[in-house]
Amino acid sequence: MDNLTFFSKVIDSLAWPCLSVFLVLMFRDSLLELISTIRKVKLGSMEAEFEVAIKQVLDTAFIASAGSPDSITSFTNLNAEYATAKFVAARIEPTATIIEGWSTLGDELRKLGRQTGEVVNSLISQHKIIQIIMSSDVLPSETKEMIGELRRLRNQVAHAQVIPTSDSAQDYLIAVERVVELIHNYRKNLPGYTVDVR
């Protein structure tokens, strides 16, 4: 192969990659905007479904708490500094707020499991505790449905299937507080109730 043929082959093999790089660099801003739009369209419907699901759980929790014999403490009636800190956290980091909110619910379920004797090992994982509680008859089915939905929504956030807005994180937080309060009030009516069951 002579030099001219060699250079011709090199230019042929490099032409398309070079042209591609040139076009990407030239239209970089337009391509980034297009990718962002496609991602928003893809995630937009999931985020909308996520927000609707949180609102439904929140509504169900409010309705369930209205029928409970013990009055439910509104999240806004809690310690003002605590509530403010939670809402600020939801504004700054909605994903972490949702995951932390779920952890609060898990802690209350652990207390319920210990109190009822369903959970005897204090080292058992939160996942296993939830399975035990959900498969038992310890809680009313409506409360278990809310817990299941809050868990599903938390998993969507934890696995980055949804990027929550700060408003949806606040709604999630309020819904969790309502469900925790429902479980806590339910625990009050069971034998062996103490505030600090671990």
N, C-alpha and C. Protein backbone atom coordinates (compact mmCIF):
# COMPACT_ATOMS: atom_id res chain seq x y z
N MET A 1 0.86 -1.16 0.00
CA MET A 1 0.00 0.00 0.00
C MET A 1 0.91 1.23 0.00
N ASP A 2 0.63 2.15 -0.91
CA ASP A 2 1.44 3.37 -0.99
C ASP A 2 0.92 4.41 0.01
N ASN A 3 1.66 5.46 0.17
CA ASN A 3 1.32 6.51 1.15
C ASN A 3 -0.01 7.18 0.86
N LEU A 4 -0.29 7.44 -0.40
CA LEU A 4 -1.53 8.11 -0.78
C LEU A 4 -2.74 7.25 -0.40
N THR A 5 -2.69 5.97 -0.64
CA THR A 5 -3.78 5.06 -0.29
C THR A 5 -3.93 4.98 1.24
N PHE A 6 -2.79 4.95 1.94
CA PHE A 6 -2.83 4.90 3.39
C PHE A 6 -3.53 6.14 3.96
N PHE A 7 -3.14 7.33 3.51
CA PHE A 7 -3.77 8.57 4.01
C PHE A 7 -5.24 8.65 3.62
N SER A 8 -5.57 8.15 2.47
CA SER A 8 -6.97 8.13 2.04
C SER A 8 -7.81 7.26 2.97
N LYS A 9 -7.28 6.11 3.33
CA LYS A 9 -7.99 5.20 4.25
C LYS A 9 -8.13 5.82 5.64
N VAL A 10 -7.09 6.49 6.11
CA VAL A 10 -7.13 7.13 7.43
C VAL A 10 -8.19 8.24 7.43
N ILE A 11 -8.22 9.05 6.41
CA ILE A 11 -9.20 10.13 6.32
C ILE A 11 -10.62 9.56 6.25
N ASP A 12 -10.79 8.49 5.46
CA ASP A 12 -12.11 7.84 5.39
C ASP A 12 -12.56 7.34 6.75
N SER A 13 -11.67 6.74 7.51
CA SER A 13 -12.06 6.16 8.79
C SER A 13 -12.27 7.23 9.87
N LEU A 14 -11.66 8.39 9.72
CA LEU A 14 -11.80 9.44 10.72
C LEU A 14 -12.86 10.49 10.36
N ALA A 15 -13.36 10.48 9.16
CA ALA A 15 -14.28 11.53 8.72
C ALA A 15 -15.56 11.58 9.56
N TRP A 16 -16.25 10.46 9.70
CA TRP A 16 -17.51 10.46 10.43
C TRP A 16 -17.33 10.75 11.92
N PRO A 17 -16.36 10.14 12.60
CA PRO A 17 -16.17 10.49 14.02
C PRO A 17 -15.84 11.98 14.22
N CYS A 18 -14.99 12.53 13.37
CA CYS A 18 -14.65 13.95 13.50
C CYS A 18 -15.86 14.84 13.23
N LEU A 19 -16.63 14.49 12.23
CA LEU A 19 -17.83 15.27 11.91
C LEU A 19 -18.82 15.17 13.07
N SER A 20 -18.96 14.00 13.66
CA SER A 20 -19.88 13.82 14.80
C SER A 20 -19.45 14.68 15.98
N VAL A 21 -18.17 14.65 16.31
CA VAL A 21 -17.66 15.47 17.43
C VAL A 21 -17.87 16.95 17.13
N PHE A 22 -17.62 17.35 15.92
CA PHE A 22 -17.80 18.75 15.52
C PHE A 22 -19.27 19.17 15.67
N LEU A 23 -20.19 18.33 15.22
CA LEU A 23 -21.62 18.67 15.32
C LEU A 23 -22.09 18.71 16.77
N VAL A 24 -21.60 17.77 17.57
CA VAL A 24 -21.98 17.77 18.99
C VAL A 24 -21.49 19.04 19.67
N LEU A 25 -20.25 19.43 19.39
CA LEU A 25 -19.71 20.65 19.99
C LEU A 25 -20.45 21.89 19.49
N MET A 26 -20.78 21.89 18.22
CA MET A 26 -21.45 23.05 17.63
C MET A 26 -22.88 23.22 18.18
N PHE A 27 -23.58 22.10 18.37
CA PHE A 27 -24.98 22.16 18.82
C PHE A 27 -25.15 21.68 20.26
N ARG A 28 -24.09 21.82 21.04
CA ARG A 28 -24.09 21.33 22.41
C ARG A 28 -25.26 21.87 23.24
N ASP A 29 -25.48 23.17 23.23
CA ASP A 29 -26.55 23.76 24.03
C ASP A 29 -27.93 23.25 23.61
N SER A 30 -28.13 23.15 22.32
CA SER A 30 -29.42 22.65 21.83
C SER A 30 -29.64 21.19 22.21
N LEU A 31 -28.58 20.39 22.13
CA LEU A 31 -28.69 18.98 22.49
C LEU A 31 -28.96 18.82 23.99
N LEU A 32 -28.29 19.60 24.83
CA LEU A 32 -28.52 19.52 26.27
C LEU A 32 -29.95 19.92 26.61
N GLU A 33 -30.46 20.93 25.95
CA GLU A 33 -31.84 21.36 26.18
C GLU A 33 -32.82 20.27 25.74
N LEU A 34 -32.55 19.63 24.62
CA LEU A 34 -33.40 18.56 24.12
C LEU A 34 -33.40 17.37 25.09
N ILE A 35 -32.22 16.99 25.57
CA ILE A 35 -32.12 15.88 26.52
C ILE A 35 -32.87 16.21 27.80
N SER A 36 -32.72 17.43 28.27
CA SER A 36 -33.44 17.86 29.48
C SER A 36 -34.95 17.79 29.27
N THR A 37 -35.41 18.22 28.11
CA THR A 37 -36.85 18.19 27.81
C THR A 37 -37.36 16.75 27.76
N ILE A 38 -36.60 15.88 27.11
CA ILE A 38 -37.00 14.47 27.02
C ILE A 38 -37.08 13.87 28.43
N ARG A 39 -36.10 14.18 29.26
CA ARG A 39 -36.09 13.64 30.63
C ARG A 39 -37.28 14.17 31.42
N LYS A 40 -37.60 15.46 31.25
CA LYS A 40 -38.74 16.03 31.96
C LYS A 40 -40.04 15.39 31.52
N VAL A 41 -40.18 15.14 30.23
CA VAL A 41 -41.40 14.51 29.73
C VAL A 41 -41.51 13.10 30.30
N LYS A 42 -40.39 12.37 30.30
CA LYS A 42 -40.38 11.00 30.81
C LYS A 42 -40.71 10.98 32.31
N LEU A 43 -40.04 11.85 33.08
CA LEU A 43 -40.24 11.86 34.52
C LEU A 43 -41.47 12.65 34.94
N GLY A 44 -41.93 13.54 34.09
CA GLY A 44 -43.05 14.41 34.44
C GLY A 44 -44.30 13.65 34.82
N SER A 45 -44.64 12.63 34.03
CA SER A 45 -45.86 11.87 34.33
C SER A 45 -45.70 11.07 35.62
N MET A 46 -44.50 10.53 35.87
CA MET A 46 -44.26 9.78 37.11
C MET A 46 -44.32 10.72 38.31
N GLU A 47 -43.75 11.93 38.15
CA GLU A 47 -43.78 12.89 39.25
C GLU A 47 -45.20 13.32 39.54
N ALA A 48 -46.00 13.49 38.50
CA ALA A 48 -47.39 13.87 38.70
C ALA A 48 -48.15 12.75 39.42
N GLU A 49 -47.92 11.51 39.01
CA GLU A 49 -48.55 10.37 39.68
C GLU A 49 -48.09 10.29 41.13
N PHE A 50 -46.82 10.57 41.37
CA PHE A 50 -46.26 10.55 42.72
C PHE A 50 -46.96 11.57 43.61
N GLU A 51 -47.11 12.79 43.10
CA GLU A 51 -47.76 13.84 43.88
C GLU A 51 -49.23 13.52 44.14
N VAL A 52 -49.92 12.96 43.16
CA VAL A 52 -51.32 12.58 43.36
C VAL A 52 -51.42 11.48 44.41
N ALA A 53 -50.52 10.50 44.35
CA ALA A 53 -50.54 9.40 45.32
C ALA A 53 -50.29 9.90 46.74
N ILE A 54 -49.37 10.86 46.90
CA ILE A 54 -49.10 11.42 48.22
C ILE A 54 -50.34 12.15 48.74
N LYS A 55 -50.98 12.92 47.87
CA LYS A 55 -52.19 13.65 48.27
C LYS A 55 -53.29 12.66 48.70
N GLN A 56 -53.41 11.55 48.00
CA GLN A 56 -54.43 10.55 48.37
C GLN A 56 -54.14 9.94 49.74
N VAL A 57 -52.87 9.61 50.00
CA VAL A 57 -52.51 9.06 51.31
C VAL A 57 -52.76 10.11 52.40
N LEU A 58 -52.42 11.35 52.11
CA LEU A 58 -52.62 12.43 53.07
C LEU A 58 -54.11 12.60 53.38
N ASP A 59 -54.94 12.59 52.35
CA ASP A 59 -56.39 12.71 52.55
C ASP A 59 -56.93 11.53 53.36
N THR A 60 -56.48 10.33 53.03
CA THR A 60 -56.92 9.14 53.75
C THR A 60 -56.50 9.21 55.22
N ALA A 61 -55.27 9.69 55.47
CA ALA A 61 -54.79 9.81 56.84
C ALA A 61 -55.61 10.83 57.63
N PHE A 62 -55.96 11.93 56.99
CA PHE A 62 -56.78 12.93 57.68
C PHE A 62 -58.17 12.38 57.99
N ILE A 63 -58.75 11.65 57.04
CA ILE A 63 -60.08 11.06 57.26
C ILE A 63 -60.01 10.02 58.37
N ALA A 64 -58.97 9.17 58.33
CA ALA A 64 -58.82 8.13 59.35
C ALA A 64 -58.61 8.75 60.73
N SER A 65 -57.86 9.83 60.78
CA SER A 65 -57.60 10.44 62.09
C SER A 65 -58.83 11.15 62.64
N ALA A 66 -59.72 11.61 61.78
CA ALA A 66 -60.93 12.27 62.25
C ALA A 66 -61.84 11.29 62.97
N GLY A 67 -61.78 10.01 62.59
CA GLY A 67 -62.62 9.01 63.22
C GLY A 67 -61.99 8.35 64.42
N SER A 68 -60.74 8.73 64.76
CA SER A 68 -60.08 8.05 65.88
C SER A 68 -60.55 8.63 67.21
N PRO A 69 -60.64 7.80 68.25
CA PRO A 69 -61.12 8.28 69.53
C PRO A 69 -60.19 9.29 70.18
N ASP A 70 -58.90 9.13 69.98
CA ASP A 70 -57.95 10.12 70.50
C ASP A 70 -57.73 11.18 69.44
N SER A 71 -57.62 12.41 69.90
CA SER A 71 -57.42 13.47 68.90
C SER A 71 -56.01 13.37 68.36
N ILE A 72 -55.91 13.58 67.06
CA ILE A 72 -54.62 13.54 66.39
C ILE A 72 -53.95 14.90 66.51
N THR A 73 -52.69 14.88 66.82
CA THR A 73 -51.94 16.12 66.89
C THR A 73 -51.57 16.53 65.48
N SER A 74 -51.97 17.72 65.09
CA SER A 74 -51.61 18.21 63.77
C SER A 74 -50.11 18.44 63.71
N PHE A 75 -49.53 18.19 62.56
CA PHE A 75 -48.09 18.39 62.39
C PHE A 75 -47.73 19.83 62.69
N THR A 76 -48.61 20.76 62.32
CA THR A 76 -48.33 22.17 62.55
C THR A 76 -48.47 22.54 64.02
N ASN A 77 -49.10 21.71 64.84
CA ASN A 77 -49.22 21.98 66.26
C ASN A 77 -48.05 21.40 67.05
N LEU A 78 -47.16 20.68 66.40
CA LEU A 78 -46.00 20.13 67.08
C LEU A 78 -45.05 21.27 67.44
N ASN A 79 -44.00 20.94 68.12
CA ASN A 79 -42.99 21.91 68.47
C ASN A 79 -42.65 22.75 67.23
N ALA A 80 -42.77 24.07 67.36
CA ALA A 80 -42.61 24.97 66.21
C ALA A 80 -41.22 24.85 65.59
N GLU A 81 -40.20 24.73 66.43
CA GLU A 81 -38.83 24.62 65.90
C GLU A 81 -38.66 23.32 65.12
N TYR A 82 -39.22 22.23 65.64
CA TYR A 82 -39.15 20.93 64.98
C TYR A 82 -39.84 20.98 63.63
N ALA A 83 -41.07 21.51 63.62
CA ALA A 83 -41.84 21.57 62.38
C ALA A 83 -41.14 22.45 61.36
N THR A 84 -40.62 23.59 61.81
CA THR A 84 -39.92 24.49 60.90
C THR A 84 -38.69 23.81 60.31
N ALA A 85 -37.92 23.14 61.16
CA ALA A 85 -36.72 22.46 60.68
C ALA A 85 -37.08 21.39 59.64
N LYS A 86 -38.17 20.64 59.89
CA LYS A 86 -38.58 19.61 58.93
C LYS A 86 -38.99 20.22 57.60
N PHE A 87 -39.75 21.32 57.65
CA PHE A 87 -40.21 21.94 56.41
C PHE A 87 -39.05 22.58 55.65
N VAL A 88 -38.09 23.13 56.36
CA VAL A 88 -36.91 23.70 55.70
C VAL A 88 -36.13 22.57 55.04
N ALA A 89 -35.98 21.45 55.74
CA ALA A 89 -35.27 20.30 55.16
C ALA A 89 -35.98 19.81 53.91
N ALA A 90 -37.32 19.82 53.92
CA ALA A 90 -38.07 19.39 52.74
C ALA A 90 -37.83 20.32 51.58
N ARG A 91 -37.66 21.60 51.84
CA ARG A 91 -37.39 22.57 50.78
C ARG A 91 -35.98 22.39 50.21
N ILE A 92 -35.02 22.12 51.11
CA ILE A 92 -33.63 22.03 50.68
C ILE A 92 -33.32 20.68 50.06
N GLU A 93 -33.75 19.60 50.70
CA GLU A 93 -33.43 18.25 50.23
C GLU A 93 -34.66 17.35 50.33
N PRO A 94 -35.56 17.43 49.34
CA PRO A 94 -36.79 16.65 49.40
C PRO A 94 -36.58 15.14 49.44
N THR A 95 -35.60 14.64 48.73
CA THR A 95 -35.35 13.19 48.71
C THR A 95 -34.97 12.69 50.09
N ALA A 96 -34.03 13.36 50.75
CA ALA A 96 -33.60 12.95 52.08
C ALA A 96 -34.74 13.07 53.08
N THR A 97 -35.59 14.08 52.91
CA THR A 97 -36.72 14.26 53.82
C THR A 97 -37.68 13.09 53.73
N ILE A 98 -37.94 12.61 52.52
CA ILE A 98 -38.85 11.48 52.33
C ILE A 98 -38.25 10.21 52.94
N ILE A 99 -36.99 9.98 52.71
CA ILE A 99 -36.34 8.78 53.25
C ILE A 99 -36.31 8.84 54.78
N GLU A 100 -36.02 10.01 55.34
CA GLU A 100 -36.01 10.16 56.80
C GLU A 100 -37.43 10.01 57.37
N GLY A 101 -38.42 10.55 56.65
CA GLY A 101 -39.81 10.41 57.10
C GLY A 101 -40.20 8.95 57.17
N TRP A 102 -39.80 8.18 56.17
CA TRP A 102 -40.12 6.75 56.17
C TRP A 102 -39.46 6.06 57.37
N SER A 103 -38.25 6.49 57.71
CA SER A 103 -37.55 5.92 58.85
C SER A 103 -38.31 6.17 60.16
N THR A 104 -38.92 7.34 60.27
CA THR A 104 -39.75 7.66 61.45
C THR A 104 -40.91 6.68 61.56
N LEU A 105 -41.54 6.40 60.43
CA LEU A 105 -42.65 5.44 60.41
C LEU A 105 -42.17 4.05 60.78
N GLY A 106 -41.00 3.69 60.26
CA GLY A 106 -40.42 2.38 60.60
C GLY A 106 -40.14 2.24 62.09
N ASP A 107 -39.68 3.32 62.71
CA ASP A 107 -39.43 3.28 64.16
C ASP A 107 -40.72 3.05 64.94
N GLU A 108 -41.80 3.68 64.52
CA GLU A 108 -43.09 3.48 65.21
C GLU A 108 -43.60 2.06 65.00
N LEU A 109 -43.38 1.51 63.81
CA LEU A 109 -43.79 0.12 63.56
C LEU A 109 -42.96 -0.85 64.41
N ARG A 110 -41.70 -0.53 64.63
CA ARG A 110 -40.84 -1.36 65.50
C ARG A 110 -41.42 -1.36 66.92
N LYS A 111 -41.81 -0.18 67.39
CA LYS A 111 -42.40 -0.09 68.74
C LYS A 111 -43.68 -0.91 68.82
N LEU A 112 -44.50 -0.82 67.79
CA LEU A 112 -45.74 -1.60 67.75
C LEU A 112 -45.44 -3.10 67.78
N GLY A 113 -44.49 -3.52 66.98
CA GLY A 113 -44.11 -4.93 66.92
C GLY A 113 -43.59 -5.43 68.25
N ARG A 114 -42.78 -4.63 68.93
CA ARG A 114 -42.25 -5.02 70.24
C ARG A 114 -43.38 -5.10 71.27
N GLN A 115 -44.29 -4.11 71.22
CA GLN A 115 -45.37 -4.07 72.20
C GLN A 115 -46.32 -5.25 72.05
N THR A 116 -46.61 -5.63 70.82
CA THR A 116 -47.56 -6.72 70.58
C THR A 116 -46.91 -8.10 70.64
N GLY A 117 -45.59 -8.12 70.70
CA GLY A 117 -44.89 -9.41 70.74
C GLY A 117 -44.66 -10.00 69.36
N GLU A 118 -45.04 -9.29 68.33
CA GLU A 118 -44.81 -9.77 66.96
C GLU A 118 -43.32 -9.74 66.63
N VAL A 119 -42.61 -8.78 67.21
CA VAL A 119 -41.17 -8.64 66.98
C VAL A 119 -40.48 -8.85 68.32
N VAL A 120 -39.73 -9.92 68.44
CA VAL A 120 -39.05 -10.22 69.71
C VAL A 120 -37.56 -9.94 69.64
N ASN A 121 -37.00 -9.91 68.46
CA ASN A 121 -35.57 -9.66 68.29
C ASN A 121 -35.37 -8.18 68.00
N SER A 122 -34.65 -7.48 68.86
CA SER A 122 -34.45 -6.05 68.67
C SER A 122 -33.49 -5.74 67.53
N LEU A 123 -32.79 -6.74 67.02
CA LEU A 123 -31.83 -6.51 65.93
C LEU A 123 -32.42 -6.80 64.55
N ILE A 124 -33.69 -7.13 64.50
CA ILE A 124 -34.32 -7.47 63.23
C ILE A 124 -34.39 -6.22 62.34
N SER A 125 -34.25 -6.40 61.05
CA SER A 125 -34.22 -5.26 60.12
C SER A 125 -35.60 -4.61 60.01
N GLN A 126 -35.58 -3.35 59.63
CA GLN A 126 -36.83 -2.61 59.45
C GLN A 126 -37.69 -3.25 58.37
N HIS A 127 -37.05 -3.73 57.32
CA HIS A 127 -37.77 -4.39 56.23
C HIS A 127 -38.55 -5.61 56.75
N LYS A 128 -37.89 -6.42 57.58
CA LYS A 128 -38.52 -7.61 58.14
C LYS A 128 -39.65 -7.24 59.10
N ILE A 129 -39.45 -6.19 59.89
CA ILE A 129 -40.49 -5.74 60.81
C ILE A 129 -41.74 -5.35 60.04
N ILE A 130 -41.55 -4.63 58.96
CA ILE A 130 -42.69 -4.19 58.16
C ILE A 130 -43.42 -5.40 57.57
N GLN A 131 -42.66 -6.39 57.10
CA GLN A 131 -43.29 -7.61 56.58
C GLN A 131 -44.12 -8.29 57.67
N ILE A 132 -43.57 -8.38 58.87
CA ILE A 132 -44.27 -9.04 59.97
C ILE A 132 -45.55 -8.29 60.32
N ILE A 133 -45.45 -6.99 60.48
CA ILE A 133 -46.62 -6.17 60.85
C ILE A 133 -47.68 -6.22 59.76
N MET A 134 -47.24 -6.11 58.50
CA MET A 134 -48.20 -6.08 57.39
C MET A 134 -48.90 -7.43 57.21
N SER A 135 -48.25 -8.52 57.58
CA SER A 135 -48.88 -9.83 57.42
C SER A 135 -49.69 -10.24 58.65
N SER A 136 -49.62 -9.44 59.71
CA SER A 136 -50.38 -9.76 60.93
C SER A 136 -51.70 -8.98 60.93
N ASP A 137 -52.49 -9.23 61.94
CA ASP A 137 -53.75 -8.51 62.10
C ASP A 137 -53.64 -7.43 63.17
N VAL A 138 -52.45 -6.97 63.42
CA VAL A 138 -52.21 -5.99 64.47
C VAL A 138 -52.85 -4.64 64.14
N LEU A 139 -52.76 -4.22 62.89
CA LEU A 139 -53.29 -2.91 62.47
C LEU A 139 -54.52 -3.08 61.60
N PRO A 140 -55.40 -2.08 61.60
CA PRO A 140 -56.53 -2.11 60.67
C PRO A 140 -56.04 -2.09 59.22
N SER A 141 -56.82 -2.66 58.34
CA SER A 141 -56.40 -2.77 56.93
C SER A 141 -56.20 -1.40 56.29
N GLU A 142 -56.99 -0.41 56.66
CA GLU A 142 -56.84 0.93 56.08
C GLU A 142 -55.47 1.52 56.43
N THR A 143 -55.04 1.33 57.66
CA THR A 143 -53.73 1.82 58.09
C THR A 143 -52.63 1.08 57.35
N LYS A 144 -52.79 -0.23 57.20
CA LYS A 144 -51.79 -1.02 56.47
C LYS A 144 -51.70 -0.58 55.02
N GLU A 145 -52.83 -0.22 54.41
CA GLU A 145 -52.81 0.26 53.02
C GLU A 145 -52.04 1.57 52.92
N MET A 146 -52.24 2.47 53.89
CA MET A 146 -51.49 3.73 53.88
C MET A 146 -50.00 3.49 54.05
N ILE A 147 -49.65 2.57 54.94
CA ILE A 147 -48.23 2.23 55.14
C ILE A 147 -47.65 1.66 53.85
N GLY A 148 -48.39 0.76 53.21
CA GLY A 148 -47.92 0.17 51.96
C GLY A 148 -47.72 1.22 50.87
N GLU A 149 -48.62 2.17 50.79
CA GLU A 149 -48.49 3.23 49.78
C GLU A 149 -47.32 4.16 50.10
N LEU A 150 -47.16 4.51 51.36
CA LEU A 150 -46.02 5.36 51.75
C LEU A 150 -44.70 4.64 51.47
N ARG A 151 -44.69 3.34 51.68
CA ARG A 151 -43.49 2.55 51.39
C ARG A 151 -43.20 2.54 49.89
N ARG A 152 -44.23 2.34 49.09
CA ARG A 152 -44.06 2.32 47.63
C ARG A 152 -43.52 3.67 47.14
N LEU A 153 -44.07 4.75 47.67
CA LEU A 153 -43.63 6.09 47.26
C LEU A 153 -42.19 6.34 47.71
N ARG A 154 -41.85 5.91 48.91
CA ARG A 154 -40.48 6.06 49.39
C ARG A 154 -39.51 5.29 48.51
N ASN A 155 -39.91 4.09 48.10
CA ASN A 155 -39.05 3.29 47.24
C ASN A 155 -38.82 3.94 45.88
N GLN A 156 -39.85 4.58 45.35
CA GLN A 156 -39.68 5.30 44.07
C GLN A 156 -38.62 6.39 44.20
N VAL A 157 -38.65 7.09 45.32
CA VAL A 157 -37.67 8.15 45.56
C VAL A 157 -36.30 7.56 45.82
N ALA A 158 -36.23 6.53 46.66
CA ALA A 158 -34.94 5.93 47.01
C ALA A 158 -34.23 5.32 45.81
N HIS A 159 -35.00 4.82 44.84
CA HIS A 159 -34.42 4.20 43.66
C HIS A 159 -34.37 5.16 42.48
N ALA A 160 -34.54 6.45 42.76
CA ALA A 160 -34.42 7.52 41.77
C ALA A 160 -35.36 7.34 40.58
N GLN A 161 -36.52 6.74 40.82
CA GLN A 161 -37.52 6.65 39.76
C GLN A 161 -38.30 7.95 39.66
N VAL A 162 -38.30 8.71 40.75
CA VAL A 162 -39.01 9.98 40.83
C VAL A 162 -38.11 10.98 41.54
N ILE A 163 -38.11 12.20 41.07
CA ILE A 163 -37.42 13.28 41.75
C ILE A 163 -38.50 14.13 42.40
N PRO A 164 -38.64 14.05 43.72
CA PRO A 164 -39.74 14.74 44.38
C PRO A 164 -39.55 16.25 44.42
N THR A 165 -40.65 16.96 44.38
CA THR A 165 -40.61 18.41 44.58
C THR A 165 -40.61 18.67 46.07
N SER A 166 -40.28 19.88 46.45
CA SER A 166 -40.29 20.20 47.88
C SER A 166 -41.71 20.15 48.43
N ASP A 167 -42.70 20.53 47.63
CA ASP A 167 -44.09 20.44 48.09
C ASP A 167 -44.52 19.00 48.32
N SER A 168 -44.14 18.10 47.41
CA SER A 168 -44.51 16.70 47.61
C SER A 168 -43.78 16.10 48.80
N ALA A 169 -42.55 16.55 49.06
CA ALA A 169 -41.82 16.08 50.24
C ALA A 169 -42.51 16.54 51.52
N GLN A 170 -43.00 17.77 51.52
CA GLN A 170 -43.72 18.26 52.70
C GLN A 170 -45.02 17.48 52.90
N ASP A 171 -45.74 17.23 51.81
CA ASP A 171 -46.97 16.44 51.91
C ASP A 171 -46.67 15.03 52.43
N TYR A 172 -45.60 14.44 51.94
CA TYR A 172 -45.20 13.11 52.39
C TYR A 172 -44.91 13.14 53.89
N LEU A 173 -44.19 14.15 54.32
CA LEU A 173 -43.84 14.29 55.72
C LEU A 173 -45.08 14.41 56.60
N ILE A 174 -46.04 15.19 56.17
CA ILE A 174 -47.28 15.34 56.93
C ILE A 174 -48.05 14.02 56.96
N ALA A 175 -48.10 13.34 55.81
CA ALA A 175 -48.79 12.05 55.76
C ALA A 175 -48.14 11.04 56.70
N VAL A 176 -46.81 11.01 56.72
CA VAL A 176 -46.10 10.10 57.62
C VAL A 176 -46.41 10.45 59.07
N GLU A 177 -46.38 11.73 59.40
CA GLU A 177 -46.67 12.14 60.78
C GLU A 177 -48.08 11.72 61.18
N ARG A 178 -49.02 11.84 60.26
CA ARG A 178 -50.40 11.43 60.55
C ARG A 178 -50.48 9.92 60.79
N VAL A 179 -49.84 9.14 59.95
CA VAL A 179 -49.89 7.68 60.09
C VAL A 179 -49.16 7.25 61.36
N VAL A 180 -48.02 7.89 61.66
CA VAL A 180 -47.30 7.58 62.90
C VAL A 180 -48.21 7.87 64.10
N GLU A 181 -48.92 8.99 64.04
CA GLU A 181 -49.82 9.34 65.14
C GLU A 181 -50.97 8.34 65.26
N LEU A 182 -51.48 7.88 64.11
CA LEU A 182 -52.53 6.84 64.14
C LEU A 182 -52.02 5.57 64.82
N ILE A 183 -50.82 5.14 64.44
CA ILE A 183 -50.24 3.93 65.03
C ILE A 183 -49.98 4.14 66.52
N HIS A 184 -49.48 5.31 66.86
CA HIS A 184 -49.20 5.62 68.26
C HIS A 184 -50.49 5.58 69.09
N ASN A 185 -51.54 6.18 68.57
CA ASN A 185 -52.83 6.16 69.28
C ASN A 185 -53.38 4.74 69.36
N TYR A 186 -53.14 3.95 68.34
CA TYR A 186 -53.57 2.55 68.37
C TYR A 186 -52.79 1.80 69.46
N ARG A 187 -51.49 2.09 69.55
CA ARG A 187 -50.66 1.44 70.57
C ARG A 187 -51.12 1.78 71.98
N LYS A 188 -51.63 2.99 72.18
CA LYS A 188 -52.09 3.41 73.51
C LYS A 188 -53.21 2.50 74.04
N ASN A 189 -53.98 1.95 73.13
CA ASN A 189 -55.10 1.11 73.53
C ASN A 189 -54.75 -0.37 73.66
N LEU A 190 -53.49 -0.70 73.47
CA LEU A 190 -53.04 -2.09 73.58
C LEU A 190 -52.37 -2.33 74.92
N PRO A 191 -52.41 -3.56 75.41
CA PRO A 191 -51.72 -3.86 76.67
C PRO A 191 -50.21 -3.66 76.53
N GLY A 192 -49.60 -3.25 77.61
CA GLY A 192 -48.14 -3.09 77.62
C GLY A 192 -47.66 -1.80 77.03
N TYR A 193 -48.55 -0.80 76.89
CA TYR A 193 -48.14 0.46 76.29
C TYR A 193 -47.22 1.25 77.21
N THR A 194 -46.10 1.65 76.67
CA THR A 194 -45.24 2.65 77.30
C THR A 194 -44.72 3.53 76.18
N VAL A 195 -44.41 4.75 76.52
CA VAL A 195 -43.99 5.70 75.50
C VAL A 195 -42.68 5.27 74.87
N ASP A 196 -41.80 4.67 75.63
CA ASP A 196 -40.44 4.38 75.14
C ASP A 196 -40.21 2.92 74.78
N VAL A 197 -41.23 2.22 74.30
CA VAL A 197 -41.00 0.85 73.83
C VAL A 197 -39.95 0.90 72.72
N ARG A 198 -38.95 0.04 72.80
CA ARG A 198 -37.88 0.09 71.78
C ARG A 198 -37.88 -1.18 70.97
